[in-house]
């Protein structure tokens, strides 16, 4: 029997073989982020708690730096900073006592 091109593109309907790759990858990512990955290449030692904490701290620092770098390119941030400095200097220079000037 000859197979048509449409028949070969269909995946097999075997329910025992189906794998939800997205869910499996998300579960693996969660385990890696928690430092609890199950599989390791041969000869590689598990990471220590200190290395896990250091990697998490580095990731947080990198994410924060990327966020700040994105904000510094936004003109609204700079206008807000100028406005805040202007208001603070106006409040600092204003005193409740009347000023007297002598010449």
N, C-alpha and C. Protein backbone atom coordinates (compact mmCIF):
# COMPACT_ATOMS: atom_id res chain seq x y z
N UNK A 1 0.83 -1.17 0.00
CA UNK A 1 0.00 0.00 0.00
C UNK A 1 0.88 1.24 0.00
N UNK A 2 0.49 2.24 -0.72
CA UNK A 2 1.25 3.47 -0.82
C UNK A 2 0.75 4.50 0.20
N UNK A 3 1.66 5.13 0.91
CA UNK A 3 1.28 6.14 1.89
C UNK A 3 1.27 7.51 1.22
N UNK A 4 0.26 8.27 1.50
CA UNK A 4 0.20 9.63 0.95
C UNK A 4 0.99 10.55 1.86
N UNK A 5 1.30 11.73 1.36
CA UNK A 5 2.11 12.66 2.14
C UNK A 5 1.39 13.11 3.41
N UNK A 6 0.08 13.16 3.40
CA UNK A 6 -0.68 13.56 4.58
C UNK A 6 -0.64 12.52 5.67
N UNK A 7 -0.52 11.23 5.28
CA UNK A 7 -0.48 10.16 6.28
C UNK A 7 0.82 10.15 7.07
N UNK A 8 1.95 10.48 6.45
CA UNK A 8 3.22 10.42 7.14
C UNK A 8 3.43 11.57 8.12
N UNK A 9 2.68 12.64 7.94
CA UNK A 9 2.83 13.79 8.83
C UNK A 9 2.06 13.61 10.13
N UNK A 10 1.18 12.65 10.19
CA UNK A 10 0.38 12.42 11.38
C UNK A 10 1.19 11.67 12.42
N UNK A 11 1.24 12.14 13.67
CA UNK A 11 1.94 11.39 14.71
C UNK A 11 1.13 10.15 15.08
N UNK A 12 1.77 9.13 15.60
CA UNK A 12 1.03 7.93 16.00
C UNK A 12 0.08 8.27 17.14
N UNK A 13 -1.03 7.59 17.16
CA UNK A 13 -2.06 7.85 18.17
C UNK A 13 -1.86 6.99 19.42
N UNK A 14 -0.66 6.57 19.68
CA UNK A 14 -0.37 5.71 20.83
C UNK A 14 -0.38 6.56 22.09
N UNK A 15 -1.34 6.33 22.97
CA UNK A 15 -1.49 7.13 24.20
C UNK A 15 -0.39 6.84 25.21
N UNK A 16 0.23 5.66 25.15
CA UNK A 16 1.29 5.31 26.10
C UNK A 16 2.58 6.08 25.80
N UNK A 17 2.70 6.54 24.59
CA UNK A 17 3.93 7.20 24.16
C UNK A 17 3.89 8.71 24.32
N UNK A 18 2.73 9.30 24.48
CA UNK A 18 2.63 10.76 24.51
C UNK A 18 3.27 11.33 25.77
N UNK A 19 4.06 12.38 25.56
CA UNK A 19 4.76 13.05 26.65
C UNK A 19 4.46 14.54 26.53
N UNK A 20 4.14 15.15 27.65
CA UNK A 20 3.95 16.60 27.66
C UNK A 20 5.31 17.24 27.93
N UNK A 21 6.01 17.59 26.85
CA UNK A 21 7.37 18.10 26.97
C UNK A 21 7.41 19.44 27.69
N UNK A 22 6.42 20.29 27.48
CA UNK A 22 6.40 21.60 28.14
C UNK A 22 6.31 21.43 29.66
N UNK A 23 5.43 20.59 30.11
CA UNK A 23 5.28 20.38 31.55
C UNK A 23 6.54 19.74 32.14
N UNK A 24 7.14 18.81 31.39
CA UNK A 24 8.36 18.17 31.88
C UNK A 24 9.49 19.18 31.99
N UNK A 25 9.61 20.06 31.01
CA UNK A 25 10.68 21.06 31.04
C UNK A 25 10.45 22.07 32.16
N UNK A 26 9.21 22.48 32.37
CA UNK A 26 8.91 23.41 33.46
C UNK A 26 9.23 22.78 34.81
N UNK A 27 8.91 21.49 34.97
CA UNK A 27 9.23 20.81 36.22
C UNK A 27 10.74 20.73 36.41
N UNK A 28 11.49 20.47 35.35
CA UNK A 28 12.95 20.42 35.43
C UNK A 28 13.52 21.80 35.78
N UNK A 29 12.98 22.86 35.19
CA UNK A 29 13.44 24.22 35.50
C UNK A 29 13.19 24.57 36.96
N UNK A 30 12.03 24.17 37.48
CA UNK A 30 11.73 24.43 38.89
C UNK A 30 12.72 23.71 39.79
N UNK A 31 13.04 22.46 39.44
CA UNK A 31 14.00 21.71 40.24
C UNK A 31 15.39 22.34 40.17
N UNK A 32 15.78 22.79 38.98
CA UNK A 32 17.09 23.42 38.83
C UNK A 32 17.17 24.72 39.61
N UNK A 33 16.10 25.53 39.55
CA UNK A 33 16.09 26.80 40.28
C UNK A 33 16.13 26.57 41.79
N UNK A 34 15.54 25.47 42.24
CA UNK A 34 15.56 25.14 43.66
C UNK A 34 16.85 24.45 44.07
N UNK A 35 17.69 24.10 43.08
CA UNK A 35 18.94 23.42 43.38
C UNK A 35 18.75 21.94 43.67
N UNK A 36 17.68 21.36 43.14
CA UNK A 36 17.39 19.96 43.42
C UNK A 36 17.32 19.13 42.13
N UNK A 37 18.14 19.43 41.16
CA UNK A 37 18.13 18.66 39.91
C UNK A 37 18.52 17.22 40.20
N UNK A 38 17.81 16.27 39.59
CA UNK A 38 18.03 14.86 39.88
C UNK A 38 19.18 14.29 39.06
N UNK A 39 19.26 14.63 37.80
CA UNK A 39 20.25 14.03 36.91
C UNK A 39 21.51 14.88 36.88
N UNK A 40 22.67 14.22 36.94
CA UNK A 40 23.96 14.91 36.84
C UNK A 40 24.83 14.12 35.87
N UNK A 41 25.63 14.84 35.11
CA UNK A 41 26.59 14.12 34.26
C UNK A 41 27.54 13.31 35.12
N UNK A 42 28.07 12.25 34.54
CA UNK A 42 28.98 11.37 35.27
C UNK A 42 30.20 12.13 35.77
N UNK A 43 30.57 11.92 37.01
CA UNK A 43 31.76 12.54 37.57
C UNK A 43 31.53 13.92 38.14
N UNK A 44 30.35 14.47 38.01
CA UNK A 44 30.09 15.81 38.54
C UNK A 44 29.50 15.70 39.93
N UNK A 45 30.10 16.43 40.85
CA UNK A 45 29.64 16.43 42.24
C UNK A 45 28.43 17.35 42.38
N UNK A 46 27.55 17.04 43.31
CA UNK A 46 26.44 17.95 43.57
C UNK A 46 26.96 19.28 44.11
N UNK A 47 26.23 20.34 43.82
CA UNK A 47 26.66 21.66 44.27
C UNK A 47 26.36 21.82 45.74
N UNK A 48 27.18 22.62 46.40
CA UNK A 48 26.98 22.85 47.83
C UNK A 48 25.92 23.92 48.04
N UNK A 49 25.44 24.01 49.26
CA UNK A 49 24.43 25.02 49.59
C UNK A 49 24.97 26.43 49.38
N UNK A 50 26.26 26.62 49.66
CA UNK A 50 26.88 27.93 49.46
C UNK A 50 26.89 28.30 47.98
N UNK A 51 27.18 27.35 47.10
CA UNK A 51 27.18 27.62 45.67
C UNK A 51 25.79 27.93 45.17
N UNK A 52 24.78 27.24 45.71
CA UNK A 52 23.39 27.51 45.33
C UNK A 52 23.01 28.92 45.74
N UNK A 53 23.34 29.31 46.97
CA UNK A 53 23.02 30.66 47.44
C UNK A 53 23.77 31.71 46.64
N UNK A 54 25.02 31.43 46.29
CA UNK A 54 25.80 32.37 45.50
C UNK A 54 25.20 32.53 44.10
N UNK A 55 24.78 31.43 43.50
CA UNK A 55 24.16 31.49 42.17
C UNK A 55 22.84 32.25 42.21
N UNK A 56 22.04 32.02 43.26
CA UNK A 56 20.77 32.76 43.40
C UNK A 56 21.03 34.25 43.58
N UNK A 57 22.02 34.59 44.40
CA UNK A 57 22.35 36.00 44.61
C UNK A 57 22.84 36.65 43.34
N UNK A 58 23.64 35.93 42.57
CA UNK A 58 24.14 36.47 41.30
C UNK A 58 23.00 36.67 40.32
N UNK A 59 22.04 35.72 40.29
CA UNK A 59 20.90 35.85 39.39
C UNK A 59 20.04 37.05 39.78
N UNK A 60 19.83 37.25 41.08
CA UNK A 60 19.04 38.40 41.55
C UNK A 60 19.75 39.69 41.20
N UNK A 61 21.08 39.73 41.41
CA UNK A 61 21.84 40.94 41.08
C UNK A 61 21.80 41.22 39.58
N UNK A 62 21.91 40.19 38.76
CA UNK A 62 21.85 40.38 37.31
C UNK A 62 20.48 40.87 36.86
N UNK A 63 19.42 40.30 37.44
CA UNK A 63 18.07 40.73 37.09
C UNK A 63 17.84 42.18 37.50
N UNK A 64 18.33 42.55 38.68
CA UNK A 64 18.18 43.93 39.16
C UNK A 64 18.95 44.89 38.28
N UNK A 65 20.17 44.52 37.90
CA UNK A 65 20.97 45.38 37.03
C UNK A 65 20.30 45.56 35.67
N UNK A 66 19.73 44.50 35.13
CA UNK A 66 19.04 44.60 33.85
C UNK A 66 17.81 45.49 33.95
N UNK A 67 17.08 45.38 35.05
CA UNK A 67 15.90 46.21 35.25
C UNK A 67 16.30 47.68 35.38
N UNK A 68 17.32 47.95 36.17
CA UNK A 68 17.78 49.34 36.33
C UNK A 68 18.30 49.91 35.02
N UNK A 69 18.97 49.08 34.23
CA UNK A 69 19.48 49.53 32.94
C UNK A 69 18.32 49.88 32.01
N UNK A 70 17.25 49.15 32.11
CA UNK A 70 16.06 49.45 31.31
C UNK A 70 15.41 50.75 31.76
N UNK A 71 15.39 50.98 33.06
CA UNK A 71 14.77 52.19 33.58
C UNK A 71 15.57 53.44 33.22
N UNK A 72 16.89 53.36 33.22
CA UNK A 72 17.69 54.56 32.97
C UNK A 72 17.53 55.07 31.54
N UNK A 73 17.06 54.25 30.65
CA UNK A 73 16.80 54.69 29.28
C UNK A 73 15.44 55.36 29.14
N UNK A 74 14.64 55.34 30.16
CA UNK A 74 13.29 55.91 30.10
C UNK A 74 13.33 57.38 30.54
N UNK A 75 12.83 58.27 29.71
CA UNK A 75 12.87 59.71 30.01
C UNK A 75 12.01 60.05 31.22
N UNK A 76 10.97 59.26 31.49
CA UNK A 76 10.08 59.57 32.62
C UNK A 76 10.81 59.42 33.95
N UNK A 77 11.77 58.51 34.03
CA UNK A 77 12.56 58.37 35.25
C UNK A 77 13.33 59.65 35.53
N UNK A 78 13.99 60.18 34.51
CA UNK A 78 14.80 61.39 34.69
C UNK A 78 13.94 62.60 35.01
N UNK A 79 12.77 62.71 34.40
CA UNK A 79 11.86 63.82 34.73
C UNK A 79 11.39 63.69 36.17
N UNK A 80 11.10 62.47 36.61
CA UNK A 80 10.69 62.24 38.00
C UNK A 80 11.79 62.60 38.99
N UNK A 81 13.03 62.24 38.65
CA UNK A 81 14.16 62.58 39.52
C UNK A 81 14.34 64.09 39.61
N UNK A 82 14.27 64.76 38.47
CA UNK A 82 14.39 66.23 38.48
C UNK A 82 13.27 66.88 39.28
N UNK A 83 12.06 66.37 39.14
CA UNK A 83 10.92 66.90 39.89
C UNK A 83 11.13 66.69 41.39
N UNK A 84 11.58 65.49 41.79
CA UNK A 84 11.79 65.22 43.20
C UNK A 84 12.89 66.10 43.78
N UNK A 85 13.98 66.27 43.05
CA UNK A 85 15.08 67.14 43.52
C UNK A 85 14.59 68.57 43.63
N UNK A 86 13.81 69.03 42.67
CA UNK A 86 13.29 70.39 42.69
C UNK A 86 12.39 70.63 43.91
N UNK A 87 11.49 69.69 44.17
CA UNK A 87 10.59 69.83 45.32
C UNK A 87 11.37 69.78 46.62
N UNK A 88 12.32 68.87 46.73
CA UNK A 88 13.11 68.76 47.96
C UNK A 88 13.95 70.01 48.21
N UNK A 89 14.54 70.58 47.17
CA UNK A 89 15.32 71.80 47.38
C UNK A 89 14.42 72.97 47.72
N UNK A 90 13.22 73.02 47.15
CA UNK A 90 12.28 74.09 47.49
C UNK A 90 11.84 73.97 48.94
N UNK A 91 11.57 72.76 49.39
CA UNK A 91 11.17 72.56 50.78
C UNK A 91 12.32 72.85 51.74
N UNK A 92 13.53 72.51 51.37
CA UNK A 92 14.69 72.75 52.24
C UNK A 92 15.00 74.24 52.34
N UNK A 93 14.78 74.98 51.28
CA UNK A 93 15.10 76.41 51.32
C UNK A 93 14.00 77.24 51.97
N UNK A 94 12.81 76.70 52.06
CA UNK A 94 11.71 77.42 52.68
C UNK A 94 11.78 77.23 54.19
N UNK A 95 11.78 78.33 54.89
CA UNK A 95 11.79 78.25 56.35
C UNK A 95 10.52 78.88 56.91
N UNK A 96 10.13 78.45 58.08
CA UNK A 96 8.90 78.95 58.68
C UNK A 96 9.09 80.34 59.31
N UNK A 97 10.31 80.72 59.62
CA UNK A 97 10.57 82.03 60.21
C UNK A 97 10.70 83.07 59.09
N UNK A 98 10.16 84.25 59.33
CA UNK A 98 10.31 85.28 58.31
C UNK A 98 11.78 85.72 58.25
N UNK A 99 12.23 85.96 57.05
CA UNK A 99 13.62 86.36 56.88
C UNK A 99 13.71 87.88 56.86
N UNK A 100 14.73 88.39 57.51
CA UNK A 100 14.95 89.84 57.48
C UNK A 100 16.29 90.07 56.80
N UNK A 101 16.29 91.03 55.92
CA UNK A 101 17.50 91.35 55.18
C UNK A 101 17.99 92.70 55.66
N UNK A 102 19.25 92.82 55.95
CA UNK A 102 19.79 94.11 56.32
C UNK A 102 20.83 94.51 55.29
N UNK A 103 20.81 95.78 54.99
CA UNK A 103 21.75 96.28 54.01
C UNK A 103 22.71 97.25 54.64
